[in-house]
Amino acid sequence: MNGLRIVFDLLTPRRAALLIAVAAIGTIAGAQFFEHVLGILPCDLCLKQRVPYYIAIPIALVTACLPNRSVTIRLGLAFLALIFIASAGLAAYHAGVEWKFWPGPTGCSGGAAGPASVSDLLAQMQNVKVESCSEASWRLFGLSLAGWNVLISLGLVGVAVLALSRAMRR
């Protein structure tokens, strides 16, 4: 119990916001690494799961610059918690699609741009590998990237809520 108390004491609202920003940047960097270095192409749902991170990063950085006892830092942390609750929901939906718990979107592809002409479409069909949202491209300990995103998002919700709780007590 003392260890949890130490973490709670060290996790000021500003530090929590900075931790969320760093974790979000790291998560996006990891996704880019899997895509561009390892060649694991994202499906449409994978790309959509990145959007909450893109929104959260600047909000977390701005929140980290606010005074610890301000009302605005509380609003920033609350907004970050909501963003990552939505992120966890989207990732859980995608993981459920991968596990065949429910059907995914009908047009789930690798996110290629639409063709300008029929000849462009034919060329694109020969060169673009369409990624299915219902097949996990990679797993670690049984979890796909979507499953790991659920855990990361919920962890970031926890950090935001813990820091918000601390800010409300002061």
N, C-alpha and C. Protein backbone atom coordinates (compact mmCIF):
# COMPACT_ATOMS: atom_id res chain seq x y z
N MET A 1 0.83 -1.20 0.00
CA MET A 1 0.00 0.00 0.00
C MET A 1 0.87 1.25 0.00
N ASN A 2 2.05 1.19 0.64
CA ASN A 2 2.94 2.35 0.67
C ASN A 2 3.44 2.72 -0.72
N GLY A 3 3.69 1.70 -1.56
CA GLY A 3 4.15 1.96 -2.92
C GLY A 3 3.12 2.75 -3.71
N LEU A 4 1.85 2.39 -3.55
CA LEU A 4 0.78 3.10 -4.24
C LEU A 4 0.68 4.54 -3.73
N ARG A 5 0.89 4.72 -2.45
CA ARG A 5 0.85 6.06 -1.86
C ARG A 5 1.99 6.92 -2.41
N ILE A 6 3.17 6.34 -2.57
CA ILE A 6 4.31 7.07 -3.13
C ILE A 6 4.02 7.50 -4.56
N VAL A 7 3.45 6.58 -5.36
CA VAL A 7 3.10 6.92 -6.74
C VAL A 7 2.06 8.05 -6.75
N PHE A 8 1.07 7.96 -5.88
CA PHE A 8 0.03 8.98 -5.81
C PHE A 8 0.64 10.34 -5.44
N ASP A 9 1.59 10.35 -4.51
CA ASP A 9 2.23 11.60 -4.10
C ASP A 9 3.11 12.18 -5.21
N LEU A 10 3.74 11.34 -5.98
CA LEU A 10 4.62 11.82 -7.06
C LEU A 10 3.86 12.24 -8.31
N LEU A 11 2.66 11.73 -8.48
CA LEU A 11 1.91 11.98 -9.70
C LEU A 11 1.09 13.27 -9.59
N THR A 12 1.77 14.39 -9.73
CA THR A 12 1.05 15.66 -9.74
C THR A 12 0.27 15.75 -11.05
N PRO A 13 -0.72 16.61 -11.11
CA PRO A 13 -1.47 16.75 -12.36
C PRO A 13 -0.58 17.10 -13.57
N ARG A 14 0.38 17.97 -13.37
CA ARG A 14 1.27 18.34 -14.48
C ARG A 14 2.13 17.15 -14.92
N ARG A 15 2.66 16.41 -13.96
CA ARG A 15 3.46 15.23 -14.30
C ARG A 15 2.61 14.18 -15.00
N ALA A 16 1.38 14.03 -14.55
CA ALA A 16 0.48 13.07 -15.18
C ALA A 16 0.21 13.45 -16.63
N ALA A 17 -0.05 14.73 -16.87
CA ALA A 17 -0.29 15.19 -18.24
C ALA A 17 0.94 14.96 -19.11
N LEU A 18 2.11 15.22 -18.56
CA LEU A 18 3.35 14.99 -19.31
C LEU A 18 3.55 13.49 -19.56
N LEU A 19 3.26 12.67 -18.57
CA LEU A 19 3.36 11.22 -18.73
C LEU A 19 2.41 10.73 -19.82
N ILE A 20 1.21 11.27 -19.85
CA ILE A 20 0.24 10.90 -20.88
C ILE A 20 0.75 11.32 -22.26
N ALA A 21 1.31 12.51 -22.36
CA ALA A 21 1.85 12.97 -23.65
C ALA A 21 2.97 12.05 -24.12
N VAL A 22 3.89 11.73 -23.23
CA VAL A 22 5.03 10.87 -23.59
C VAL A 22 4.54 9.48 -23.98
N ALA A 23 3.60 8.93 -23.22
CA ALA A 23 3.07 7.60 -23.54
C ALA A 23 2.33 7.61 -24.88
N ALA A 24 1.57 8.67 -25.15
CA ALA A 24 0.85 8.77 -26.41
C ALA A 24 1.82 8.90 -27.59
N ILE A 25 2.85 9.71 -27.43
CA ILE A 25 3.87 9.84 -28.48
C ILE A 25 4.56 8.50 -28.69
N GLY A 26 4.89 7.81 -27.61
CA GLY A 26 5.52 6.50 -27.71
C GLY A 26 4.63 5.48 -28.41
N THR A 27 3.34 5.53 -28.13
CA THR A 27 2.40 4.60 -28.77
C THR A 27 2.32 4.86 -30.26
N ILE A 28 2.24 6.13 -30.65
CA ILE A 28 2.21 6.46 -32.08
C ILE A 28 3.53 6.08 -32.73
N ALA A 29 4.64 6.32 -32.05
CA ALA A 29 5.95 5.93 -32.59
C ALA A 29 6.02 4.42 -32.77
N GLY A 30 5.47 3.68 -31.83
CA GLY A 30 5.43 2.22 -31.96
C GLY A 30 4.60 1.78 -33.15
N ALA A 31 3.45 2.42 -33.35
CA ALA A 31 2.62 2.09 -34.51
C ALA A 31 3.36 2.38 -35.81
N GLN A 32 4.06 3.52 -35.84
CA GLN A 32 4.84 3.87 -37.04
C GLN A 32 5.97 2.86 -37.26
N PHE A 33 6.60 2.40 -36.19
CA PHE A 33 7.67 1.40 -36.29
C PHE A 33 7.12 0.10 -36.88
N PHE A 34 5.99 -0.36 -36.36
CA PHE A 34 5.39 -1.58 -36.90
C PHE A 34 5.05 -1.42 -38.38
N GLU A 35 4.57 -0.25 -38.76
CA GLU A 35 4.17 -0.02 -40.14
C GLU A 35 5.37 0.14 -41.07
N HIS A 36 6.27 1.05 -40.73
CA HIS A 36 7.33 1.44 -41.67
C HIS A 36 8.61 0.62 -41.56
N VAL A 37 8.88 0.05 -40.39
CA VAL A 37 10.11 -0.74 -40.23
C VAL A 37 9.81 -2.24 -40.38
N LEU A 38 8.77 -2.70 -39.70
CA LEU A 38 8.45 -4.12 -39.75
C LEU A 38 7.54 -4.49 -40.92
N GLY A 39 6.95 -3.47 -41.56
CA GLY A 39 6.11 -3.74 -42.73
C GLY A 39 4.74 -4.29 -42.41
N ILE A 40 4.27 -4.11 -41.19
CA ILE A 40 2.93 -4.56 -40.81
C ILE A 40 1.96 -3.42 -41.13
N LEU A 41 1.25 -3.57 -42.23
CA LEU A 41 0.37 -2.50 -42.69
C LEU A 41 -0.88 -2.40 -41.83
N PRO A 42 -1.31 -1.18 -41.54
CA PRO A 42 -2.52 -1.01 -40.73
C PRO A 42 -3.78 -1.14 -41.57
N CYS A 43 -4.81 -1.65 -40.95
CA CYS A 43 -6.12 -1.65 -41.60
C CYS A 43 -6.81 -0.32 -41.29
N ASP A 44 -8.01 -0.16 -41.78
CA ASP A 44 -8.74 1.09 -41.57
C ASP A 44 -9.01 1.35 -40.09
N LEU A 45 -9.38 0.31 -39.35
CA LEU A 45 -9.63 0.50 -37.91
C LEU A 45 -8.35 0.83 -37.15
N CYS A 46 -7.23 0.27 -37.61
CA CYS A 46 -5.93 0.59 -36.97
C CYS A 46 -5.65 2.09 -37.13
N LEU A 47 -5.88 2.60 -38.32
CA LEU A 47 -5.63 4.02 -38.56
C LEU A 47 -6.57 4.89 -37.73
N LYS A 48 -7.82 4.47 -37.59
CA LYS A 48 -8.77 5.23 -36.77
C LYS A 48 -8.39 5.23 -35.30
N GLN A 49 -7.74 4.16 -34.84
CA GLN A 49 -7.33 4.08 -33.44
C GLN A 49 -6.21 5.08 -33.12
N ARG A 50 -5.54 5.58 -34.12
CA ARG A 50 -4.48 6.56 -33.89
C ARG A 50 -5.04 7.96 -33.64
N VAL A 51 -6.23 8.24 -34.11
CA VAL A 51 -6.81 9.58 -34.03
C VAL A 51 -6.91 10.09 -32.59
N PRO A 52 -7.41 9.30 -31.62
CA PRO A 52 -7.44 9.81 -30.25
C PRO A 52 -6.06 10.23 -29.74
N TYR A 53 -5.03 9.52 -30.14
CA TYR A 53 -3.67 9.87 -29.72
C TYR A 53 -3.26 11.20 -30.34
N TYR A 54 -3.58 11.38 -31.62
CA TYR A 54 -3.24 12.64 -32.30
C TYR A 54 -3.95 13.82 -31.62
N ILE A 55 -5.15 13.60 -31.15
CA ILE A 55 -5.90 14.65 -30.44
C ILE A 55 -5.33 14.86 -29.04
N ALA A 56 -4.99 13.77 -28.37
CA ALA A 56 -4.56 13.84 -26.97
C ALA A 56 -3.18 14.46 -26.78
N ILE A 57 -2.28 14.23 -27.72
CA ILE A 57 -0.90 14.70 -27.54
C ILE A 57 -0.83 16.21 -27.31
N PRO A 58 -1.40 17.05 -28.19
CA PRO A 58 -1.30 18.50 -27.91
C PRO A 58 -2.08 18.92 -26.66
N ILE A 59 -3.20 18.26 -26.40
CA ILE A 59 -3.97 18.59 -25.19
C ILE A 59 -3.15 18.26 -23.95
N ALA A 60 -2.50 17.10 -23.95
CA ALA A 60 -1.68 16.71 -22.80
C ALA A 60 -0.50 17.66 -22.62
N LEU A 61 0.13 18.07 -23.71
CA LEU A 61 1.27 18.98 -23.61
C LEU A 61 0.84 20.35 -23.07
N VAL A 62 -0.29 20.85 -23.54
CA VAL A 62 -0.80 22.13 -23.03
C VAL A 62 -1.18 21.98 -21.56
N THR A 63 -1.84 20.88 -21.22
CA THR A 63 -2.25 20.64 -19.84
C THR A 63 -1.05 20.56 -18.91
N ALA A 64 0.04 19.98 -19.40
CA ALA A 64 1.26 19.87 -18.59
C ALA A 64 1.88 21.22 -18.28
N CYS A 65 1.52 22.24 -19.03
CA CYS A 65 2.06 23.59 -18.81
C CYS A 65 1.20 24.42 -17.87
N LEU A 66 0.05 23.90 -17.45
CA LEU A 66 -0.87 24.64 -16.59
C LEU A 66 -0.49 24.47 -15.12
N PRO A 67 -0.86 25.43 -14.28
CA PRO A 67 -0.59 25.29 -12.84
C PRO A 67 -1.34 24.09 -12.25
N ASN A 68 -0.69 23.38 -11.32
CA ASN A 68 -1.25 22.17 -10.72
C ASN A 68 -2.61 22.38 -10.06
N ARG A 69 -2.87 23.54 -9.56
CA ARG A 69 -4.11 23.75 -8.80
C ARG A 69 -5.18 24.51 -9.58
N SER A 70 -4.99 24.65 -10.88
CA SER A 70 -5.95 25.42 -11.66
C SER A 70 -7.15 24.57 -12.09
N VAL A 71 -8.24 25.26 -12.37
CA VAL A 71 -9.44 24.58 -12.87
C VAL A 71 -9.17 24.04 -14.27
N THR A 72 -8.38 24.74 -15.06
CA THR A 72 -8.12 24.31 -16.43
C THR A 72 -7.32 23.01 -16.49
N ILE A 73 -6.44 22.78 -15.53
CA ILE A 73 -5.71 21.51 -15.53
C ILE A 73 -6.66 20.36 -15.22
N ARG A 74 -7.64 20.61 -14.39
CA ARG A 74 -8.65 19.59 -14.11
C ARG A 74 -9.47 19.28 -15.35
N LEU A 75 -9.83 20.32 -16.08
CA LEU A 75 -10.58 20.12 -17.32
C LEU A 75 -9.73 19.36 -18.34
N GLY A 76 -8.47 19.71 -18.45
CA GLY A 76 -7.57 19.01 -19.37
C GLY A 76 -7.46 17.53 -19.04
N LEU A 77 -7.28 17.22 -17.76
CA LEU A 77 -7.17 15.82 -17.34
C LEU A 77 -8.48 15.07 -17.57
N ALA A 78 -9.60 15.73 -17.30
CA ALA A 78 -10.90 15.09 -17.53
C ALA A 78 -11.10 14.81 -19.02
N PHE A 79 -10.73 15.77 -19.85
CA PHE A 79 -10.86 15.59 -21.29
C PHE A 79 -9.95 14.46 -21.77
N LEU A 80 -8.73 14.39 -21.25
CA LEU A 80 -7.81 13.30 -21.61
C LEU A 80 -8.39 11.95 -21.20
N ALA A 81 -8.99 11.88 -20.02
CA ALA A 81 -9.62 10.63 -19.59
C ALA A 81 -10.72 10.22 -20.56
N LEU A 82 -11.54 11.17 -20.97
CA LEU A 82 -12.62 10.87 -21.92
C LEU A 82 -12.07 10.42 -23.27
N ILE A 83 -11.02 11.08 -23.75
CA ILE A 83 -10.42 10.70 -25.03
C ILE A 83 -9.94 9.25 -24.97
N PHE A 84 -9.29 8.87 -23.88
CA PHE A 84 -8.76 7.52 -23.81
C PHE A 84 -9.81 6.47 -23.46
N ILE A 85 -10.92 6.88 -22.87
CA ILE A 85 -12.05 5.95 -22.73
C ILE A 85 -12.59 5.63 -24.12
N ALA A 86 -12.73 6.65 -24.95
CA ALA A 86 -13.18 6.43 -26.33
C ALA A 86 -12.16 5.58 -27.10
N SER A 87 -10.88 5.86 -26.88
CA SER A 87 -9.83 5.09 -27.55
C SER A 87 -9.90 3.61 -27.15
N ALA A 88 -10.09 3.35 -25.87
CA ALA A 88 -10.21 1.96 -25.39
C ALA A 88 -11.43 1.28 -26.01
N GLY A 89 -12.53 2.02 -26.13
CA GLY A 89 -13.74 1.46 -26.73
C GLY A 89 -13.53 1.09 -28.19
N LEU A 90 -12.89 1.98 -28.94
CA LEU A 90 -12.61 1.71 -30.35
C LEU A 90 -11.67 0.52 -30.49
N ALA A 91 -10.63 0.47 -29.66
CA ALA A 91 -9.68 -0.64 -29.71
C ALA A 91 -10.35 -1.96 -29.31
N ALA A 92 -11.22 -1.92 -28.31
CA ALA A 92 -11.94 -3.14 -27.90
C ALA A 92 -12.85 -3.62 -29.03
N TYR A 93 -13.50 -2.68 -29.71
CA TYR A 93 -14.32 -3.04 -30.87
C TYR A 93 -13.46 -3.76 -31.91
N HIS A 94 -12.30 -3.18 -32.22
CA HIS A 94 -11.42 -3.78 -33.22
C HIS A 94 -10.92 -5.16 -32.77
N ALA A 95 -10.53 -5.28 -31.52
CA ALA A 95 -10.09 -6.58 -31.01
C ALA A 95 -11.22 -7.61 -31.10
N GLY A 96 -12.44 -7.18 -30.82
CA GLY A 96 -13.60 -8.07 -30.94
C GLY A 96 -13.83 -8.51 -32.37
N VAL A 97 -13.59 -7.62 -33.32
CA VAL A 97 -13.69 -7.98 -34.73
C VAL A 97 -12.63 -9.03 -35.07
N GLU A 98 -11.41 -8.83 -34.56
CA GLU A 98 -10.33 -9.79 -34.82
C GLU A 98 -10.64 -11.16 -34.23
N TRP A 99 -11.27 -11.20 -33.06
CA TRP A 99 -11.61 -12.46 -32.42
C TRP A 99 -12.94 -13.03 -32.94
N LYS A 100 -13.55 -12.33 -33.90
CA LYS A 100 -14.81 -12.77 -34.54
C LYS A 100 -15.99 -12.76 -33.56
N PHE A 101 -15.93 -11.86 -32.55
CA PHE A 101 -17.05 -11.71 -31.63
C PHE A 101 -18.22 -11.00 -32.31
N TRP A 102 -17.91 -10.11 -33.25
CA TRP A 102 -18.91 -9.36 -34.01
C TRP A 102 -18.31 -8.99 -35.35
N PRO A 103 -19.16 -8.65 -36.31
CA PRO A 103 -18.63 -8.29 -37.63
C PRO A 103 -17.99 -6.91 -37.61
N GLY A 104 -17.01 -6.73 -38.47
CA GLY A 104 -16.36 -5.43 -38.62
C GLY A 104 -17.03 -4.62 -39.70
N PRO A 105 -16.48 -3.45 -39.99
CA PRO A 105 -17.03 -2.63 -41.06
C PRO A 105 -16.87 -3.34 -42.41
N THR A 106 -17.80 -3.12 -43.30
CA THR A 106 -17.79 -3.82 -44.59
C THR A 106 -16.65 -3.39 -45.49
N GLY A 107 -16.23 -2.16 -45.41
CA GLY A 107 -15.20 -1.66 -46.31
C GLY A 107 -13.85 -1.50 -45.65
N CYS A 108 -13.46 -2.41 -44.78
CA CYS A 108 -12.22 -2.27 -44.05
C CYS A 108 -11.04 -2.61 -44.95
N SER A 109 -10.20 -1.60 -45.20
CA SER A 109 -9.04 -1.79 -46.06
C SER A 109 -7.83 -1.15 -45.43
N GLY A 110 -6.75 -1.15 -46.16
CA GLY A 110 -5.50 -0.59 -45.67
C GLY A 110 -5.41 0.91 -45.75
N GLY A 111 -6.48 1.58 -46.12
CA GLY A 111 -6.48 3.03 -46.12
C GLY A 111 -5.90 3.66 -47.37
N ALA A 112 -5.88 2.95 -48.48
CA ALA A 112 -5.34 3.49 -49.72
C ALA A 112 -6.25 4.59 -50.26
N ALA A 113 -5.65 5.56 -50.91
CA ALA A 113 -6.42 6.65 -51.49
C ALA A 113 -7.25 6.14 -52.65
N GLY A 114 -8.39 6.77 -52.90
CA GLY A 114 -9.26 6.38 -53.98
C GLY A 114 -8.64 6.67 -55.34
N PRO A 115 -8.88 5.81 -56.32
CA PRO A 115 -8.28 6.00 -57.64
C PRO A 115 -8.94 7.15 -58.40
N ALA A 116 -8.16 7.77 -59.25
CA ALA A 116 -8.68 8.88 -60.05
C ALA A 116 -9.36 8.38 -61.31
N SER A 117 -8.96 7.21 -61.81
CA SER A 117 -9.55 6.67 -63.04
C SER A 117 -9.58 5.16 -62.95
N VAL A 118 -10.22 4.54 -63.94
CA VAL A 118 -10.31 3.08 -63.97
C VAL A 118 -8.92 2.47 -64.12
N SER A 119 -8.08 3.06 -64.95
CA SER A 119 -6.72 2.52 -65.12
C SER A 119 -5.93 2.64 -63.81
N ASP A 120 -6.15 3.74 -63.08
CA ASP A 120 -5.50 3.88 -61.77
C ASP A 120 -6.01 2.82 -60.80
N LEU A 121 -7.30 2.52 -60.87
CA LEU A 121 -7.88 1.50 -60.01
C LEU A 121 -7.24 0.14 -60.29
N LEU A 122 -7.11 -0.20 -61.56
CA LEU A 122 -6.51 -1.48 -61.92
C LEU A 122 -5.05 -1.56 -61.47
N ALA A 123 -4.31 -0.48 -61.64
CA ALA A 123 -2.91 -0.45 -61.20
C ALA A 123 -2.84 -0.57 -59.68
N GLN A 124 -3.74 0.12 -59.00
CA GLN A 124 -3.76 0.08 -57.54
C GLN A 124 -4.11 -1.32 -57.03
N MET A 125 -5.02 -1.99 -57.70
CA MET A 125 -5.41 -3.33 -57.30
C MET A 125 -4.25 -4.31 -57.41
N GLN A 126 -3.33 -4.07 -58.34
CA GLN A 126 -2.18 -4.95 -58.52
C GLN A 126 -1.08 -4.65 -57.51
N ASN A 127 -1.01 -3.42 -57.01
CA ASN A 127 0.11 -3.00 -56.18
C ASN A 127 -0.21 -2.85 -54.70
N VAL A 128 -1.47 -2.73 -54.34
CA VAL A 128 -1.83 -2.45 -52.95
C VAL A 128 -2.36 -3.72 -52.29
N LYS A 129 -1.79 -4.05 -51.16
CA LYS A 129 -2.28 -5.17 -50.37
C LYS A 129 -3.34 -4.63 -49.40
N VAL A 130 -4.55 -5.13 -49.50
CA VAL A 130 -5.64 -4.68 -48.64
C VAL A 130 -5.56 -5.45 -47.32
N GLU A 131 -5.51 -4.73 -46.23
CA GLU A 131 -5.44 -5.34 -44.91
C GLU A 131 -6.85 -5.49 -44.36
N SER A 132 -7.12 -6.64 -43.84
CA SER A 132 -8.43 -6.92 -43.27
C SER A 132 -8.46 -6.53 -41.80
N CYS A 133 -9.53 -5.90 -41.39
CA CYS A 133 -9.69 -5.53 -39.97
C CYS A 133 -9.97 -6.75 -39.11
N SER A 134 -10.38 -7.85 -39.74
CA SER A 134 -10.77 -9.02 -38.97
C SER A 134 -9.62 -10.00 -38.75
N GLU A 135 -8.44 -9.69 -39.26
CA GLU A 135 -7.28 -10.56 -39.07
C GLU A 135 -6.17 -9.79 -38.37
N ALA A 136 -5.73 -10.29 -37.23
CA ALA A 136 -4.63 -9.65 -36.52
C ALA A 136 -3.33 -9.94 -37.26
N SER A 137 -2.58 -8.92 -37.58
CA SER A 137 -1.32 -9.09 -38.30
C SER A 137 -0.19 -9.53 -37.38
N TRP A 138 -0.35 -9.31 -36.08
CA TRP A 138 0.73 -9.59 -35.13
C TRP A 138 0.11 -9.76 -33.75
N ARG A 139 0.65 -10.67 -32.98
CA ARG A 139 0.18 -10.89 -31.61
C ARG A 139 1.37 -11.09 -30.68
N LEU A 140 1.21 -10.63 -29.45
CA LEU A 140 2.19 -10.87 -28.39
C LEU A 140 1.41 -11.29 -27.15
N PHE A 141 1.72 -12.47 -26.61
CA PHE A 141 1.00 -13.03 -25.47
C PHE A 141 -0.50 -13.16 -25.76
N GLY A 142 -0.83 -13.43 -27.01
CA GLY A 142 -2.22 -13.62 -27.41
C GLY A 142 -2.97 -12.36 -27.74
N LEU A 143 -2.37 -11.20 -27.50
CA LEU A 143 -3.05 -9.93 -27.78
C LEU A 143 -2.53 -9.33 -29.08
N SER A 144 -3.47 -8.85 -29.89
CA SER A 144 -3.11 -8.13 -31.10
C SER A 144 -2.73 -6.69 -30.73
N LEU A 145 -2.33 -5.93 -31.72
CA LEU A 145 -2.04 -4.51 -31.46
C LEU A 145 -3.28 -3.79 -30.95
N ALA A 146 -4.45 -4.17 -31.44
CA ALA A 146 -5.69 -3.57 -30.93
C ALA A 146 -5.89 -3.92 -29.46
N GLY A 147 -5.61 -5.15 -29.09
CA GLY A 147 -5.72 -5.55 -27.69
C GLY A 147 -4.75 -4.80 -26.81
N TRP A 148 -3.53 -4.62 -27.28
CA TRP A 148 -2.56 -3.84 -26.51
C TRP A 148 -3.01 -2.39 -26.41
N ASN A 149 -3.65 -1.88 -27.45
CA ASN A 149 -4.14 -0.51 -27.40
C ASN A 149 -5.22 -0.35 -26.33
N VAL A 150 -6.05 -1.37 -26.15
CA VAL A 150 -7.05 -1.33 -25.07
C VAL A 150 -6.35 -1.12 -23.74
N LEU A 151 -5.31 -1.92 -23.49
CA LEU A 151 -4.59 -1.84 -22.21
C LEU A 151 -3.88 -0.50 -22.05
N ILE A 152 -3.23 -0.02 -23.10
CA ILE A 152 -2.55 1.28 -23.03
C ILE A 152 -3.55 2.39 -22.76
N SER A 153 -4.65 2.38 -23.50
CA SER A 153 -5.67 3.42 -23.33
C SER A 153 -6.25 3.41 -21.92
N LEU A 154 -6.55 2.22 -21.40
CA LEU A 154 -7.09 2.14 -20.04
C LEU A 154 -6.06 2.58 -19.01
N GLY A 155 -4.80 2.28 -19.25
CA GLY A 155 -3.75 2.77 -18.36
C GLY A 155 -3.68 4.29 -18.35
N LEU A 156 -3.84 4.89 -19.52
CA LEU A 156 -3.80 6.36 -19.60
C LEU A 156 -5.05 6.97 -18.97
N VAL A 157 -6.18 6.28 -19.07
CA VAL A 157 -7.38 6.73 -18.34
C VAL A 157 -7.07 6.72 -16.85
N GLY A 158 -6.45 5.65 -16.39
CA GLY A 158 -6.12 5.53 -14.96
C GLY A 158 -5.20 6.65 -14.50
N VAL A 159 -4.19 6.98 -15.29
CA VAL A 159 -3.27 8.07 -14.93
C VAL A 159 -4.04 9.38 -14.85
N ALA A 160 -4.88 9.66 -15.85
CA ALA A 160 -5.63 10.91 -15.86
C ALA A 160 -6.60 10.99 -14.67
N VAL A 161 -7.29 9.91 -14.38
CA VAL A 161 -8.26 9.91 -13.28
C VAL A 161 -7.55 10.03 -11.94
N LEU A 162 -6.43 9.33 -11.79
CA LEU A 162 -5.67 9.42 -10.54
C LEU A 162 -5.20 10.86 -10.29
N ALA A 163 -4.65 11.48 -11.34
CA ALA A 163 -4.18 12.86 -11.20
C ALA A 163 -5.36 13.82 -11.00
N LEU A 164 -6.46 13.57 -11.67
CA LEU A 164 -7.64 14.40 -11.47
C LEU A 164 -8.16 14.28 -10.05
N SER A 165 -8.15 13.09 -9.53
CA SER A 165 -8.54 12.86 -8.14
C SER A 165 -7.65 13.65 -7.18
N ARG A 166 -6.38 13.61 -7.46
CA ARG A 166 -5.43 14.36 -6.62
C ARG A 166 -5.70 15.86 -6.74
N ALA A 167 -5.94 16.35 -7.94
CA ALA A 167 -6.18 17.78 -8.14
C ALA A 167 -7.48 18.22 -7.44
N MET A 168 -8.46 17.35 -7.38
CA MET A 168 -9.74 17.70 -6.75
C MET A 168 -9.62 17.75 -5.23
N ARG A 169 -8.66 17.03 -4.66
CA ARG A 169 -8.50 17.00 -3.21
C ARG A 169 -7.83 18.25 -2.67
N ARG A 170 -7.19 18.98 -3.52
CA ARG A 170 -6.43 20.16 -3.06
C ARG A 170 -7.24 21.41 -3.14
